[in-house]
């Protein structure tokens, strides 16, 4: 019912009977509609994560620049925000009562006014999505840390990054860790590649020179010796990039160290003779560590059909976060991939709502290699 005049209970019952509605006993709520829709209200379909955040007093934040699709971030989850149209009119009222709230008052035969603040034919729909962290690396690459640095421009605190990257705080911190960024004087920085490799080689050379165990050596002793060359926080960060620190005990991970040695060899080389690379790689790693081709998954590709067989650097970290763009890139490099080959280059796109198999089913077609009977993936565009 519309209008600001409160109606009599008996009149409401009479109108209901004339309309063929069953008799009603109890409270009748009369809706008073505003003349115009109130633009300051927007309805949001809240997920359990959003409701929990609101009820516990946490922040929920909309993020995105003018050219971005909007996202809503809360806790450790990011949602894509879309406007959903509905055929039903949605009413926003602070006064509407429900029997579950006060069943006793609903037994009274009376009319109560219920003010409607806004009328909507759409609402904001939330869909879980991957955090859009591709901008993070671009921002940090604007000014990589090279050692002596007095620049004040193009440096970002955590709050600066939260304003620019469409991700929740937990997701952003996880992404910062994944790209091995370092907090320097309150700013998150990535190390210049050459500078980072110099730090890596100094740590490796020192451990070998001192005949320390790569699985357990002293952080203090390592920093005391190398701090004439690099700040202690850089030495610690370098160790964490390729291993771990537990109090004063340092550990270097064999797979990460061998992988970095391979990258150092392949980066300036282009395509490298496969057999020569294996020999060079084995001789470049510290004594006691062992190279395995599995260490290069998502880092390098091989072509054993060429003469001679070759290997080249091809890192997943350099690929687009957009599935279609990435797939197009992969199939330009190689027309057919086995699951074992393509998995390292696609698995980081999988989410709880979209598995790797679902992504591959959407963007690729499968066939069986007539030579060895192995299932291979190829581009749908070639179908």
Foldseek 3Di string as FASTA:
>chain_A
DEDDDFDWLVVVQVVCVVVVHDGDAFEAEDEYEDPAFDVVDAAADDDPQRVVCVVVVHDWDWADDPVDQIWIEDDQWIWGKDKAFAPDKDWDWPPDDDCVVPVVNRRHRGYHYTYTRGIDRIHIYIDTAQWQCPVVVVLQVVDADQADDDDPPSWDALVRVPRPTRGYSVNNVVVLVVQLWAQDPRTTHHHDPVSLVVLLVLLLVVCVVVVHDQAWDFLVVSCVVCCVPHPSSSNQSSQVQQFDDDPGIGHGDLLSQLQVLLCVVQVVPAKAQPVVSLVVSQVRGDPPGDDDPVSCQQFKDWDVPDVNIIMHGDHLVPADLDLQRRQVVVCVVPFKAACSRCCSNQQVNADPVAGSVNSQVVFWDWDADPPPRGIITGGPVVD
